[in-house]
Protein backbone atom coordinates (compact mmCIF):
# COMPACT_ATOMS: atom_id res chain seq x y z
CA MET A 1 39.17 17.95 19.02
CA GLN A 2 36.50 20.42 18.00
CA ARG A 3 37.16 19.63 14.33
CA THR A 4 36.69 15.90 15.01
CA ILE A 5 33.35 16.56 16.71
CA ASP A 6 32.19 18.69 13.80
CA ILE A 7 33.08 15.96 11.31
CA LYS A 8 31.12 13.46 13.38
CA LYS A 9 28.12 15.78 13.41
CA ILE A 10 28.29 16.24 9.66
CA TRP A 11 28.61 12.48 9.12
CA HIS A 12 25.66 11.84 11.42
CA PHE A 13 23.59 14.44 9.55
CA LEU A 14 24.39 12.83 6.20
CA THR A 15 23.73 9.24 7.26
CA ARG A 16 21.07 9.35 10.01
CA TYR A 17 18.22 8.45 7.63
CA ILE A 18 20.26 6.26 5.28
CA ASP A 19 20.03 2.47 5.47
CA SER A 20 23.72 1.54 5.35
CA PHE A 21 23.20 -2.09 4.35
CA LEU A 22 20.96 -1.14 1.42
CA LEU A 23 23.27 1.70 0.37
CA ILE A 24 26.31 -0.61 0.22
CA GLY A 25 24.44 -3.00 -2.05
CA LEU A 26 23.32 -0.18 -4.34
CA LEU A 27 26.82 1.32 -4.55
CA ALA A 28 28.29 -2.11 -5.38
CA LEU A 29 25.82 -2.57 -8.25
CA MET A 30 26.47 0.93 -9.59
CA GLY A 31 30.21 0.28 -9.40
CA VAL A 32 29.75 -2.87 -11.50
CA GLY A 33 27.69 -0.79 -13.89
CA LEU A 34 30.46 1.80 -14.34
CA ILE A 35 33.08 -0.89 -14.95
CA THR A 36 30.87 -2.62 -17.53
CA LEU A 37 29.89 0.68 -19.16
CA TYR A 38 33.54 1.62 -19.66
CA SER A 39 34.03 -1.53 -21.72
CA ALA A 40 30.64 -1.36 -23.47
CA ALA A 41 31.26 2.26 -24.51
CA GLY A 42 34.69 1.47 -25.97
CA ALA A 43 36.63 3.12 -23.12
CA ASN A 44 34.67 6.34 -23.63
CA ILE A 45 35.60 8.40 -20.56
CA ALA A 46 33.00 11.06 -21.38
CA LYS A 47 30.15 8.56 -21.27
CA VAL A 48 31.35 7.08 -18.00
CA SER A 49 31.70 10.60 -16.57
CA ASN A 50 28.13 11.40 -17.63
CA GLN A 51 26.91 8.27 -15.88
CA MET A 52 28.81 9.25 -12.73
CA VAL A 53 27.02 12.60 -12.81
CA ASN A 54 23.72 10.73 -13.23
CA ILE A 55 24.57 8.58 -10.21
CA LEU A 56 25.49 11.59 -8.06
CA ILE A 57 22.22 13.34 -8.96
CA ALA A 58 20.23 10.17 -8.28
CA LEU A 59 22.00 9.60 -4.93
CA SER A 60 21.27 13.20 -3.94
CA ILE A 61 17.58 12.71 -4.70
CA MET A 62 17.59 9.42 -2.80
CA TRP A 63 19.17 11.14 0.24
CA LEU A 64 16.62 13.96 0.07
CA VAL A 65 13.65 11.57 -0.13
CA ALA A 66 15.08 9.36 2.63
CA ASN A 67 15.12 12.41 4.92
CA ILE A 68 11.43 13.18 4.30
CA PRO A 69 9.01 11.51 6.76
CA LEU A 70 6.46 9.30 5.01
CA GLN A 71 3.48 11.35 6.17
CA HIS A 72 4.76 14.18 3.96
CA ILE A 73 5.40 11.86 1.01
CA ARG A 74 1.89 10.46 1.52
CA ARG A 75 0.42 13.93 1.04
CA LEU A 76 2.13 14.17 -2.36
CA ALA A 77 0.52 10.98 -3.73
CA LEU A 78 -2.62 12.55 -5.23
CA PRO A 79 -0.97 15.77 -6.55
CA MET A 80 1.89 13.75 -8.09
CA TYR A 81 -0.54 11.37 -9.79
CA LEU A 82 -2.71 14.17 -11.22
CA PHE A 83 0.38 16.11 -12.34
CA GLY A 84 1.82 13.02 -14.05
CA LEU A 85 -1.51 12.27 -15.73
CA ALA A 86 -1.71 15.85 -17.02
CA LEU A 87 1.82 15.54 -18.42
CA LEU A 88 0.90 12.30 -20.21
CA VAL A 89 -2.07 14.04 -21.80
CA GLY A 90 0.32 16.84 -22.79
CA VAL A 91 2.61 14.27 -24.43
CA ALA A 92 -0.34 12.84 -26.38
CA LEU A 93 -1.28 16.32 -27.63
CA PHE A 94 2.03 18.18 -27.94
CA GLY A 95 4.81 15.63 -27.44
CA GLU A 96 7.85 15.37 -29.70
CA ILE A 97 7.89 12.48 -32.16
CA ASN A 98 11.16 10.56 -32.26
CA ASN A 99 11.60 7.30 -34.21
CA GLY A 100 7.85 6.99 -34.62
CA ALA A 101 7.11 7.35 -30.89
CA ARG A 102 5.69 10.32 -29.00
CA ARG A 103 7.20 9.99 -25.51
CA TRP A 104 8.92 13.29 -24.72
CA LEU A 105 7.51 16.67 -23.73
CA ASN A 106 9.49 19.82 -24.39
CA ILE A 107 9.05 22.28 -21.51
CA GLY A 108 11.41 24.94 -22.85
CA VAL A 109 14.55 24.46 -20.80
CA THR A 110 14.66 20.69 -21.28
CA ARG A 111 12.76 17.60 -22.40
CA ILE A 112 11.04 15.30 -19.92
CA GLN A 113 9.58 11.79 -20.17
CA PRO A 114 6.46 11.88 -17.95
CA SER A 115 6.02 8.10 -18.05
CA GLU A 116 9.09 7.79 -15.80
CA LEU A 117 7.37 9.88 -13.11
CA MET A 118 4.40 7.49 -13.16
CA LYS A 119 6.63 4.57 -12.12
CA ILE A 120 6.61 6.13 -8.65
CA ALA A 121 3.34 8.08 -8.80
CA ILE A 122 1.17 5.03 -9.57
CA PRO A 123 2.16 2.84 -6.59
CA LEU A 124 2.11 5.92 -4.32
CA MET A 125 -1.39 6.85 -5.48
CA MET A 126 -2.78 3.33 -5.21
CA ALA A 127 -1.17 2.76 -1.80
CA TRP A 128 -2.65 6.09 -0.62
CA TYR A 129 -6.10 5.10 -1.89
CA PHE A 130 -6.09 1.67 -0.21
CA ASP A 131 -4.75 3.14 3.02
CA LYS A 132 -7.51 5.77 2.98
CA HIS A 133 -10.18 3.05 2.60
CA GLU A 134 -8.47 0.41 4.73
CA ILE A 135 -11.30 0.07 7.28
CA THR A 136 -14.15 -0.11 4.74
CA LEU A 137 -12.30 -1.84 1.90
CA ARG A 138 -14.75 -3.32 -0.65
CA MET A 139 -14.66 -4.71 -4.16
CA ARG A 140 -15.49 -1.33 -5.67
CA ASP A 141 -12.30 0.05 -4.15
CA TYR A 142 -10.27 -2.50 -6.11
CA LEU A 143 -12.18 -1.46 -9.23
CA VAL A 144 -11.41 2.23 -8.61
CA ALA A 145 -7.74 1.42 -8.02
CA THR A 146 -7.65 -0.56 -11.27
CA ILE A 147 -9.08 2.42 -13.15
CA LEU A 148 -6.45 4.67 -11.53
CA LEU A 149 -3.83 2.26 -12.85
CA MET A 150 -5.23 1.78 -16.36
CA LEU A 151 -5.61 5.47 -17.22
CA PRO A 152 -1.84 6.18 -17.42
CA VAL A 153 -1.06 2.69 -18.77
CA VAL A 154 -3.36 3.26 -21.77
CA LEU A 155 -1.84 6.70 -22.42
CA ILE A 156 1.69 5.22 -22.32
CA LEU A 157 0.71 2.34 -24.62
CA ARG A 158 -0.48 4.90 -27.17
CA GLN A 159 2.94 6.61 -27.29
CA PRO A 160 3.84 3.67 -27.92
CA ASP A 161 6.09 2.50 -25.05
CA LEU A 162 5.33 -1.14 -24.29
CA GLY A 163 8.23 -1.67 -21.88
CA THR A 164 7.33 1.24 -19.59
CA ALA A 165 3.63 0.35 -19.75
CA ILE A 166 4.40 -3.21 -18.62
CA MET A 167 6.55 -1.98 -15.73
CA ILE A 168 3.92 0.50 -14.54
CA ALA A 169 1.14 -2.08 -14.89
CA ALA A 170 3.24 -4.52 -12.85
CA SER A 171 3.90 -1.97 -10.08
CA GLY A 172 0.17 -1.25 -9.84
CA PHE A 173 -0.78 -4.93 -9.88
CA PHE A 174 1.61 -5.57 -6.99
CA VAL A 175 -0.24 -2.96 -4.93
CA LEU A 176 -3.56 -4.65 -5.76
CA PHE A 177 -2.12 -8.02 -4.80
CA LEU A 178 -0.60 -6.82 -1.52
CA ALA A 179 -3.83 -4.99 -0.65
CA GLY A 180 -5.58 -8.36 -0.53
CA LEU A 181 -7.05 -8.89 -3.99
CA SER A 182 -8.69 -12.32 -4.04
CA TRP A 183 -6.89 -15.18 -5.77
CA ARG A 184 -10.16 -16.00 -7.54
CA ILE A 185 -10.24 -12.54 -9.07
CA ILE A 186 -6.56 -12.78 -10.03
CA ALA A 187 -7.26 -16.11 -11.74
CA GLY A 188 -10.27 -14.59 -13.48
CA LEU A 189 -8.20 -11.65 -14.68
CA ALA A 190 -5.55 -14.07 -15.98
CA VAL A 191 -8.20 -15.99 -17.95
CA ALA A 192 -9.66 -12.73 -19.29
CA ALA A 193 -6.19 -11.54 -20.29
CA ALA A 194 -5.52 -14.80 -22.11
CA ALA A 195 -8.89 -14.59 -23.88
CA SER A 196 -8.15 -11.01 -24.98
CA LEU A 197 -4.82 -11.88 -26.60
CA PRO A 198 -6.27 -12.06 -30.15
CA VAL A 199 -7.70 -8.55 -29.72
CA VAL A 200 -4.42 -7.28 -28.23
CA TRP A 201 -2.55 -8.81 -31.18
CA THR A 202 -4.62 -6.81 -33.67
CA LEU A 203 -3.99 -3.59 -31.70
CA MET A 204 -0.23 -4.06 -31.56
CA HIS A 205 2.13 -2.22 -33.89
CA ASP A 206 3.87 -4.19 -36.64
CA TYR A 207 7.28 -3.92 -34.96
CA GLN A 208 5.82 -5.26 -31.70
CA ARG A 209 4.32 -8.28 -33.48
CA ARG A 210 7.64 -8.93 -35.22
CA ARG A 211 9.42 -8.93 -31.85
CA ILE A 212 7.12 -11.66 -30.54
CA MET A 213 7.40 -13.76 -33.70
CA THR A 214 11.20 -13.52 -33.73
CA LEU A 215 11.24 -14.61 -30.08
CA LEU A 216 10.03 -18.01 -31.30
CA ASP A 217 12.51 -18.12 -34.17
CA PRO A 218 15.09 -15.30 -34.36
CA THR A 219 16.70 -16.84 -37.43
CA GLN A 220 13.70 -16.01 -39.62
CA ASP A 221 14.94 -12.40 -39.74
CA PRO A 222 18.61 -12.56 -38.66
CA LEU A 223 19.51 -9.07 -39.93
CA GLY A 224 16.27 -7.42 -38.84
CA ALA A 225 13.98 -8.12 -35.90
CA GLY A 226 15.97 -11.17 -34.81
CA TYR A 227 19.37 -9.44 -34.87
CA HIS A 228 19.27 -8.25 -31.24
CA THR A 229 18.36 -11.67 -29.86
CA ILE A 230 20.90 -13.56 -31.96
CA GLN A 231 23.84 -11.28 -31.12
CA SER A 232 23.07 -11.11 -27.40
CA SER A 233 22.67 -14.91 -27.24
CA ILE A 234 26.06 -15.30 -28.93
CA ALA A 235 27.64 -12.92 -26.42
CA ILE A 236 26.18 -14.72 -23.40
CA GLY A 237 27.11 -18.15 -24.72
CA SER A 238 30.65 -17.19 -25.72
CA GLY A 239 31.38 -15.95 -22.19
CA GLY A 240 31.51 -19.52 -20.94
CA LEU A 241 32.36 -20.17 -17.31
CA VAL A 242 34.86 -17.40 -16.55
CA GLY A 243 34.34 -15.00 -19.47
CA LYS A 244 36.76 -13.52 -21.97
CA GLY A 245 38.02 -10.84 -19.61
CA TRP A 246 37.26 -7.16 -19.15
CA GLN A 247 37.29 -5.26 -22.47
CA ASN A 248 37.99 -8.51 -24.35
CA GLY A 249 34.44 -9.38 -25.40
CA THR A 250 34.36 -9.56 -29.18
CA GLN A 251 30.61 -8.96 -29.58
CA ALA A 252 30.85 -5.65 -27.76
CA GLN A 253 34.29 -4.48 -28.90
CA LEU A 254 33.50 -5.20 -32.56
CA ASP A 255 30.09 -3.47 -32.27
CA PHE A 256 27.97 -6.51 -33.05
CA LEU A 257 25.79 -5.90 -30.00
CA PRO A 258 23.05 -3.26 -30.38
CA GLU A 259 22.29 -0.86 -27.52
CA GLN A 260 25.23 -2.35 -25.64
CA SER A 261 25.46 0.51 -23.15
CA THR A 262 21.77 0.48 -22.27
CA ASP A 263 19.27 -2.35 -22.73
CA PHE A 264 21.84 -5.00 -23.72
CA ILE A 265 24.61 -4.21 -21.25
CA PHE A 266 23.97 -7.55 -19.52
CA ALA A 267 25.20 -9.32 -22.68
CA VAL A 268 28.44 -7.33 -22.47
CA PHE A 269 28.87 -8.28 -18.82
CA SER A 270 28.10 -11.95 -19.53
CA GLU A 271 30.61 -12.21 -22.35
CA GLU A 272 33.42 -10.61 -20.33
CA PHE A 273 32.80 -12.19 -16.90
CA GLY A 274 31.04 -15.44 -17.79
CA LEU A 275 28.79 -17.61 -15.63
CA ILE A 276 30.78 -16.87 -12.46
CA GLY A 277 30.40 -13.13 -12.99
CA ASN A 278 26.66 -13.53 -13.64
CA THR A 279 26.29 -15.53 -10.44
CA LEU A 280 28.04 -12.85 -8.40
CA LEU A 281 25.91 -10.16 -10.04
CA LEU A 282 22.73 -12.05 -9.16
CA LEU A 283 23.97 -12.44 -5.58
CA LEU A 284 24.43 -8.66 -5.38
CA TYR A 285 20.89 -8.19 -6.63
CA LEU A 286 19.64 -10.72 -4.09
CA VAL A 287 21.36 -8.80 -1.28
CA VAL A 288 19.49 -5.62 -2.29
CA ILE A 289 16.20 -7.48 -2.79
CA GLY A 290 16.58 -9.23 0.56
CA ARG A 291 17.10 -5.94 2.37
CA CYS A 292 14.11 -4.39 0.58
CA ALA A 293 11.98 -7.40 1.52
CA THR A 294 13.02 -6.99 5.16
CA ILE A 295 12.01 -3.32 5.11
CA THR A 296 8.67 -4.30 3.57
CA ALA A 297 8.04 -6.95 6.22
CA GLN A 298 8.80 -4.45 9.00
CA ALA A 299 6.70 -1.63 7.49
CA PRO A 300 4.38 -0.33 10.24
CA THR A 301 1.28 0.68 8.25
CA GLN A 302 -0.84 -0.32 5.28
CA PHE A 303 0.50 2.55 3.19
CA THR A 304 4.17 1.85 3.88
CA ARG A 305 3.75 -1.90 3.38
CA LEU A 306 2.03 -1.46 0.02
CA ILE A 307 4.48 1.08 -1.38
CA ALA A 308 7.55 -0.80 -0.11
CA GLY A 309 6.27 -4.11 -1.48
CA SER A 310 5.47 -2.59 -4.87
CA ILE A 311 8.91 -0.96 -5.20
CA THR A 312 10.66 -4.20 -4.20
CA LEU A 313 8.68 -6.46 -6.54
CA THR A 314 8.95 -3.99 -9.45
CA PHE A 315 12.74 -3.96 -8.98
CA CYS A 316 12.66 -7.77 -9.27
CA ILE A 317 10.58 -7.57 -12.45
CA TYR A 318 13.03 -5.09 -14.00
CA ILE A 319 15.88 -7.55 -13.45
CA PHE A 320 13.89 -10.54 -14.72
CA VAL A 321 12.56 -8.80 -17.85
CA ASN A 322 15.92 -7.33 -18.88
CA MET A 323 17.87 -10.55 -18.36
CA GLY A 324 15.05 -12.51 -20.00
CA MET A 325 14.93 -10.39 -23.15
CA VAL A 326 18.72 -10.33 -23.47
CA SER A 327 18.83 -14.12 -23.02
CA GLY A 328 16.14 -14.65 -25.66
CA ILE A 329 13.39 -16.05 -23.42
CA LEU A 330 11.27 -12.86 -23.45
CA PRO A 331 10.37 -10.38 -26.22
CA ILE A 332 12.52 -7.25 -26.50
CA VAL A 333 10.58 -4.46 -24.80
CA GLY A 334 13.27 -1.87 -24.04
CA VAL A 335 13.70 -2.32 -20.28
CA PRO A 336 17.12 -1.32 -18.81
CA LEU A 337 19.06 -3.44 -16.34
CA PRO A 338 18.54 -1.54 -13.06
CA LEU A 339 21.56 0.33 -11.67
CA ILE A 340 23.77 -1.09 -14.44
CA SER A 341 22.48 0.29 -17.75
CA TYR A 342 23.51 3.76 -18.92
CA GLY A 343 20.87 6.43 -18.44
CA GLY A 344 19.93 9.22 -16.08
CA THR A 345 16.13 9.05 -15.97
CA SER A 346 15.91 5.38 -15.02
CA MET A 347 18.68 5.82 -12.43
CA VAL A 348 16.89 8.75 -10.78
CA THR A 349 13.54 6.91 -10.76
CA MET A 350 15.10 3.78 -9.30
CA LEU A 351 16.98 5.57 -6.50
CA LEU A 352 13.96 7.73 -5.73
CA GLY A 353 12.14 4.48 -4.98
CA PHE A 354 14.99 3.28 -2.77
CA GLY A 355 14.88 6.65 -1.00
CA ILE A 356 11.24 5.95 -0.12
CA LEU A 357 12.25 2.54 1.23
CA MET A 358 14.93 4.16 3.40
CA SER A 359 12.41 6.68 4.69
CA ILE A 360 10.10 3.80 5.65
CA GLN A 361 12.94 2.10 7.50
CA THR A 362 14.30 5.15 9.31
CA HIS A 363 10.95 6.94 9.99
CA PRO A 364 9.00 4.03 11.49
CA THR A 365 6.10 6.13 12.75
CA LEU A 366 3.63 7.30 10.11
CA VAL A 367 0.99 9.76 11.20
CA LYS A 368 -2.16 9.48 9.10
CA THR A 369 -3.28 12.75 7.54
């Protein structure tokens, strides 16, 4: 009897700040990811085992963050932002160059990619700033928040890392939008962005311009810039209604698909499980998004509403951009499919965000500090 009580206490300790509904959805998606990865990696047990380790580490971090009351996380917003900004400057000055990009910083014991930290630090910092000025919110506060957003985005663009820069810019924009930025200003910014496209085009790298041009016509460079789009489109189309079956996708098994374990894993899934499988996958994503939206709607303060909304909407953008680039309707920008693609850094960042959402849900009272 005593042993049963102890087990109940342990279980309660482990789950008291965990949102069960959200956790089930996340575990289901990660399970789909492991199944797809096994096929995409050619039945490579070592790679699947590595991903399982990544998942366990990410889940541990999610549990830890979920157990931290939001008033303590709120205090970390400014230090985390300044620390991340300093690391980005360090990357610009001392970062390792790999395949023409300077994105990693060697800190002796390991290498880190500071831009991943900013995916959480930016919305936290901007939500903290708007919450701090909630009573006297003026236009200059939106301008300051925009500057806070653009500083790391510019540094990441210089690495260059267009995909991460877009995701971070999107997460910051969502905070601006949820904080009440006027539709007139949003429309004005859209017009200004459209007008600046010729200037942006001249500042882009050659490979980035080729990606956009091949989006319009991949066949103009079928063995070069258009190769990714052509092969992924073939994989998705050949899956048909029910797919070719697990481990029977020819594009993946014959190594026609590039980056099939990471950015293009959705093409592997589509070829093997078809339209029905894609529909079920989207339903799983919708379950997670719906729960996140509910947590956002129930958030008790300005800070929690802004950070929860930004995390939820950024998760949606990740899904849309990855599926869009794999399907050939968006340029290839190197964005993984969340919770499915192979990789430890993106998994940790994603579940850290979900840990914050769980903390918002299970610690409803936020004391301003």
